[in-house]
Every structure is written in structure tokens, then in C-alpha cells.
Amino acid sequence: MYPTPAQEERMLLHCAHARYVWNLAAEQHAHWKPGRKAAPGFAEQCRQLTVARRE
């Protein structure tokens, strides 16, 4: 695979966005402690992603 410079830049940006979303989900679950409301589940995370895409 030999992407053009523009394709390479776009792929790197896509990977950066995916890493950001993954880290955000991991952070939400890592901050859970007994006595707190549960971290967002799959459906809530999907809703949050939809809102983030609009912005």
C-alpha cells in the first residue's frame, strides 16, 4: 500500500480520531467507582458519538 501524501494525511487523521474516541470510552469506564452511576453503556456511547459527529 503506497498512499499519496493526501491519502496518508487523511488516514492519519482518521486513526487519530479513532484513538481519541477509544480513549474517551476507556476513560469513562476507568473513572467508575462503587457508589457512582455506571459508565455509559453501548447505546449511550452511540448517542454521544452521534452528537459529536453533528458538532
PDB file of N, CA and C in Angstrom:
ATOM      1  N   MET A   1       0.849  -1.167   0.000  1.00  0.00           N
ATOM      2  CA  MET A   1       0.000   0.000   0.000  1.00  0.00           C
ATOM      3  C   MET A   1       0.894   1.230   0.000  1.00  0.00           C
ATOM      4  N   TYR A   2       0.723   2.050  -0.985  1.00  0.00           N
ATOM      5  CA  TYR A   2       1.521   3.257  -1.122  1.00  0.00           C
ATOM      6  C   TYR A   2       0.591   4.462  -1.289  1.00  0.00           C
ATOM      7  N   PRO A   3       0.109   5.005  -0.174  1.00  0.00           N
ATOM      8  CA  PRO A   3      -0.826   6.128  -0.285  1.00  0.00           C
ATOM      9  C   PRO A   3      -0.127   7.394  -0.761  1.00  0.00           C
ATOM     10  N   THR A   4      -0.909   8.230  -1.404  1.00  0.00           N
ATOM     11  CA  THR A   4      -0.396   9.541  -1.776  1.00  0.00           C
ATOM     12  C   THR A   4      -0.259  10.360  -0.486  1.00  0.00           C
ATOM     13  N   PRO A   5       0.478  11.457  -0.532  1.00  0.00           N
ATOM     14  CA  PRO A   5       0.589  12.283   0.683  1.00  0.00           C
ATOM     15  C   PRO A   5      -0.778  12.717   1.232  1.00  0.00           C
ATOM     16  N   ALA A   6      -1.716  13.049   0.361  1.00  0.00           N
ATOM     17  CA  ALA A   6      -3.042  13.462   0.824  1.00  0.00           C
ATOM     18  C   ALA A   6      -3.773  12.290   1.479  1.00  0.00           C
ATOM     19  N   GLN A   7      -3.661  11.097   0.882  1.00  0.00           N
ATOM     20  CA  GLN A   7      -4.302   9.909   1.457  1.00  0.00           C
ATOM     21  C   GLN A   7      -3.676   9.562   2.806  1.00  0.00           C
ATOM     22  N   GLU A   8      -2.353   9.672   2.884  1.00  0.00           N
ATOM     23  CA  GLU A   8      -1.660   9.374   4.134  1.00  0.00           C
ATOM     24  C   GLU A   8      -2.116  10.321   5.248  1.00  0.00           C
ATOM     25  N   GLU A   9      -2.235  11.593   4.917  1.00  0.00           N
ATOM     26  CA  GLU A   9      -2.682  12.574   5.905  1.00  0.00           C
ATOM     27  C   GLU A   9      -4.098  12.256   6.376  1.00  0.00           C
ATOM     28  N   ARG A  10      -4.965  11.887   5.438  1.00  0.00           N
ATOM     29  CA  ARG A  10      -6.352  11.561   5.779  1.00  0.00           C
ATOM     30  C   ARG A  10      -6.432  10.307   6.646  1.00  0.00           C
ATOM     31  N   MET A  11      -5.623   9.295   6.338  1.00  0.00           N
ATOM     32  CA  MET A  11      -5.616   8.065   7.148  1.00  0.00           C
ATOM     33  C   MET A  11      -5.102   8.342   8.561  1.00  0.00           C
ATOM     34  N   LEU A  12      -4.069   9.174   8.664  1.00  0.00           N
ATOM     35  CA  LEU A  12      -3.543   9.511   9.983  1.00  0.00           C
ATOM     36  C   LEU A  12      -4.566  10.278  10.813  1.00  0.00           C
ATOM     37  N   LEU A  13      -5.307  11.166  10.172  1.00  0.00           N
ATOM     38  CA  LEU A  13      -6.349  11.914  10.872  1.00  0.00           C
ATOM     39  C   LEU A  13      -7.460  10.965  11.331  1.00  0.00           C
ATOM     40  N   HIS A  14      -7.840  10.042  10.463  1.00  0.00           N
ATOM     41  CA  HIS A  14      -8.861   9.055  10.826  1.00  0.00           C
ATOM     42  C   HIS A  14      -8.412   8.233  12.036  1.00  0.00           C
ATOM     43  N   CYS A  15      -7.163   7.783  12.026  1.00  0.00           N
ATOM     44  CA  CYS A  15      -6.637   6.998  13.152  1.00  0.00           C
ATOM     45  C   CYS A  15      -6.592   7.834  14.432  1.00  0.00           C
ATOM     46  N   ALA A  16      -6.256   9.104  14.309  1.00  0.00           N
ATOM     47  CA  ALA A  16      -6.223   9.980  15.483  1.00  0.00           C
ATOM     48  C   ALA A  16      -7.618  10.135  16.073  1.00  0.00           C
ATOM     49  N   HIS A  17      -8.625  10.271  15.219  1.00  0.00           N
ATOM     50  CA  HIS A  17      -9.997  10.383  15.710  1.00  0.00           C
ATOM     51  C   HIS A  17     -10.442   9.090  16.387  1.00  0.00           C
ATOM     52  N   ALA A  18     -10.116   7.954  15.778  1.00  0.00           N
ATOM     53  CA  ALA A  18     -10.486   6.663  16.362  1.00  0.00           C
ATOM     54  C   ALA A  18      -9.813   6.480  17.731  1.00  0.00           C
ATOM     55  N   ARG A  19      -8.550   6.858  17.833  1.00  0.00           N
ATOM     56  CA  ARG A  19      -7.825   6.744  19.107  1.00  0.00           C
ATOM     57  C   ARG A  19      -8.456   7.648  20.162  1.00  0.00           C
ATOM     58  N   TYR A  20      -8.858   8.863  19.774  1.00  0.00           N
ATOM     59  CA  TYR A  20      -9.491   9.798  20.704  1.00  0.00           C
ATOM     60  C   TYR A  20     -10.785   9.208  21.258  1.00  0.00           C
ATOM     61  N   VAL A  21     -11.615   8.657  20.372  1.00  0.00           N
ATOM     62  CA  VAL A  21     -12.897   8.089  20.796  1.00  0.00           C
ATOM     63  C   VAL A  21     -12.665   6.877  21.704  1.00  0.00           C
ATOM     64  N   TRP A  22     -11.707   6.022  21.338  1.00  0.00           N
ATOM     65  CA  TRP A  22     -11.397   4.858  22.171  1.00  0.00           C
ATOM     66  C   TRP A  22     -10.940   5.302  23.560  1.00  0.00           C
ATOM     67  N   ASN A  23     -10.029   6.262  23.602  1.00  0.00           N
ATOM     68  CA  ASN A  23      -9.516   6.733  24.887  1.00  0.00           C
ATOM     69  C   ASN A  23     -10.609   7.374  25.731  1.00  0.00           C
ATOM     70  N   LEU A  24     -11.518   8.084  25.101  1.00  0.00           N
ATOM     71  CA  LEU A  24     -12.624   8.691  25.836  1.00  0.00           C
ATOM     72  C   LEU A  24     -13.496   7.615  26.468  1.00  0.00           C
ATOM     73  N   ALA A  25     -13.827   6.580  25.707  1.00  0.00           N
ATOM     74  CA  ALA A  25     -14.640   5.482  26.249  1.00  0.00           C
ATOM     75  C   ALA A  25     -13.896   4.772  27.386  1.00  0.00           C
ATOM     76  N   ALA A  26     -12.618   4.536  27.209  1.00  0.00           N
ATOM     77  CA  ALA A  26     -11.831   3.879  28.261  1.00  0.00           C
ATOM     78  C   ALA A  26     -11.784   4.747  29.519  1.00  0.00           C
ATOM     79  N   GLU A  27     -11.656   6.061  29.337  1.00  0.00           N
ATOM     80  CA  GLU A  27     -11.619   6.981  30.477  1.00  0.00           C
ATOM     81  C   GLU A  27     -12.953   6.972  31.229  1.00  0.00           C
ATOM     82  N   GLN A  28     -14.059   6.947  30.491  1.00  0.00           N
ATOM     83  CA  GLN A  28     -15.363   6.921  31.148  1.00  0.00           C
ATOM     84  C   GLN A  28     -15.497   5.684  32.035  1.00  0.00           C
ATOM     85  N   HIS A  29     -15.035   4.557  31.569  1.00  0.00           N
ATOM     86  CA  HIS A  29     -15.135   3.329  32.358  1.00  0.00           C
ATOM     87  C   HIS A  29     -14.106   3.298  33.498  1.00  0.00           C
ATOM     88  N   ALA A  30     -12.947   3.894  33.290  1.00  0.00           N
ATOM     89  CA  ALA A  30     -11.895   3.888  34.314  1.00  0.00           C
ATOM     90  C   ALA A  30     -12.267   4.751  35.519  1.00  0.00           C
ATOM     91  N   HIS A  31     -13.086   5.768  35.319  1.00  0.00           N
ATOM     92  CA  HIS A  31     -13.441   6.658  36.421  1.00  0.00           C
ATOM     93  C   HIS A  31     -14.612   6.156  37.258  1.00  0.00           C
ATOM     94  N   TRP A  32     -15.134   4.999  36.900  1.00  0.00           N
ATOM     95  CA  TRP A  32     -16.235   4.441  37.671  1.00  0.00           C
ATOM     96  C   TRP A  32     -15.720   3.970  39.022  1.00  0.00           C
ATOM     97  N   LYS A  33     -16.493   4.245  40.061  1.00  0.00           N
ATOM     98  CA  LYS A  33     -16.169   3.794  41.416  1.00  0.00           C
ATOM     99  C   LYS A  33     -17.457   3.279  42.053  1.00  0.00           C
ATOM    100  N   PRO A  34     -17.338   2.375  43.009  1.00  0.00           N
ATOM    101  CA  PRO A  34     -18.548   1.901  43.696  1.00  0.00           C
ATOM    102  C   PRO A  34     -19.336   3.089  44.265  1.00  0.00           C
ATOM    103  N   GLY A  35     -20.644   3.038  44.114  1.00  0.00           N
ATOM    104  CA  GLY A  35     -21.493   4.113  44.595  1.00  0.00           C
ATOM    105  C   GLY A  35     -21.823   5.138  43.528  1.00  0.00           C
ATOM    106  N   ARG A  36     -21.087   5.124  42.430  1.00  0.00           N
ATOM    107  CA  ARG A  36     -21.362   6.040  41.321  1.00  0.00           C
ATOM    108  C   ARG A  36     -22.286   5.375  40.318  1.00  0.00           C
ATOM    109  N   LYS A  37     -22.932   6.220  39.547  1.00  0.00           N
ATOM    110  CA  LYS A  37     -23.742   5.717  38.444  1.00  0.00           C
ATOM    111  C   LYS A  37     -22.804   4.998  37.462  1.00  0.00           C
ATOM    112  N   ALA A  38     -23.301   3.965  36.817  1.00  0.00           N
ATOM    113  CA  ALA A  38     -22.473   3.191  35.884  1.00  0.00           C
ATOM    114  C   ALA A  38     -22.002   4.061  34.719  1.00  0.00           C
ATOM    115  N   ALA A  39     -20.890   3.674  34.144  1.00  0.00           N
ATOM    116  CA  ALA A  39     -20.385   4.358  32.957  1.00  0.00           C
ATOM    117  C   ALA A  39     -21.381   4.150  31.815  1.00  0.00           C
ATOM    118  N   PRO A  40     -21.364   5.027  30.819  1.00  0.00           N
ATOM    119  CA  PRO A  40     -22.309   4.884  29.713  1.00  0.00           C
ATOM    120  C   PRO A  40     -22.176   3.514  29.042  1.00  0.00           C
ATOM    121  N   GLY A  41     -23.315   2.934  28.724  1.00  0.00           N
ATOM    122  CA  GLY A  41     -23.321   1.671  28.006  1.00  0.00           C
ATOM    123  C   GLY A  41     -23.209   1.911  26.510  1.00  0.00           C
ATOM    124  N   PHE A  42     -23.349   0.841  25.744  1.00  0.00           N
ATOM    125  CA  PHE A  42     -23.184   0.916  24.297  1.00  0.00           C
ATOM    126  C   PHE A  42     -24.143   1.918  23.665  1.00  0.00           C
ATOM    127  N   ALA A  43     -25.421   1.841  24.006  1.00  0.00           N
ATOM    128  CA  ALA A  43     -26.420   2.724  23.386  1.00  0.00           C
ATOM    129  C   ALA A  43     -26.126   4.195  23.700  1.00  0.00           C
ATOM    130  N   GLU A  44     -25.760   4.487  24.945  1.00  0.00           N
ATOM    131  CA  GLU A  44     -25.455   5.870  25.322  1.00  0.00           C
ATOM    132  C   GLU A  44     -24.195   6.356  24.615  1.00  0.00           C
ATOM    133  N   GLN A  45     -23.191   5.488  24.489  1.00  0.00           N
ATOM    134  CA  GLN A  45     -21.977   5.882  23.775  1.00  0.00           C
ATOM    135  C   GLN A  45     -22.284   6.161  22.302  1.00  0.00           C
ATOM    136  N   CYS A  46     -23.171   5.369  21.700  1.00  0.00           N
ATOM    137  CA  CYS A  46     -23.581   5.622  20.311  1.00  0.00           C
ATOM    138  C   CYS A  46     -24.266   6.971  20.197  1.00  0.00           C
ATOM    139  N   ARG A  47     -25.130   7.293  21.168  1.00  0.00           N
ATOM    140  CA  ARG A  47     -25.803   8.587  21.163  1.00  0.00           C
ATOM    141  C   ARG A  47     -24.786   9.720  21.278  1.00  0.00           C
ATOM    142  N   GLN A  48     -23.805   9.554  22.173  1.00  0.00           N
ATOM    143  CA  GLN A  48     -22.776  10.580  22.332  1.00  0.00           C
ATOM    144  C   GLN A  48     -21.968  10.763  21.048  1.00  0.00           C
ATOM    145  N   LEU A  49     -21.665   9.669  20.364  1.00  0.00           N
ATOM    146  CA  LEU A  49     -20.928   9.767  19.113  1.00  0.00           C
ATOM    147  C   LEU A  49     -21.734  10.504  18.040  1.00  0.00           C
ATOM    148  N   THR A  50     -23.032  10.240  18.008  1.00  0.00           N
ATOM    149  CA  THR A  50     -23.894  10.918  17.044  1.00  0.00           C
ATOM    150  C   THR A  50     -23.885  12.422  17.295  1.00  0.00           C
ATOM    151  N   VAL A  51     -23.979  12.813  18.551  1.00  0.00           N
ATOM    152  CA  VAL A  51     -23.935  14.236  18.899  1.00  0.00           C
ATOM    153  C   VAL A  51     -22.576  14.837  18.516  1.00  0.00           C
ATOM    154  N   ALA A  52     -21.501  14.114  18.793  1.00  0.00           N
ATOM    155  CA  ALA A  52     -20.160  14.615  18.478  1.00  0.00           C
ATOM    156  C   ALA A  52     -19.983  14.766  16.978  1.00  0.00           C
ATOM    157  N   ARG A  53     -20.528  13.850  16.187  1.00  0.00           N
ATOM    158  CA  ARG A  53     -20.415  13.957  14.729  1.00  0.00           C
ATOM    159  C   ARG A  53     -21.119  15.210  14.211  1.00  0.00           C
ATOM    160  N   ARG A  54     -22.273  15.528  14.797  1.00  0.00           N
ATOM    161  CA  ARG A  54     -23.001  16.728  14.378  1.00  0.00           C
ATOM    162  C   ARG A  54     -22.184  17.984  14.630  1.00  0.00           C
ATOM    163  N   GLU A  55     -21.474  17.988  15.752  1.00  0.00           N
ATOM    164  CA  GLU A  55     -20.672  19.168  16.107  1.00  0.00           C
ATOM    165  C   GLU A  55     -19.447  19.249  15.240  1.00  0.00           C
TER     166      GLU A  55
END
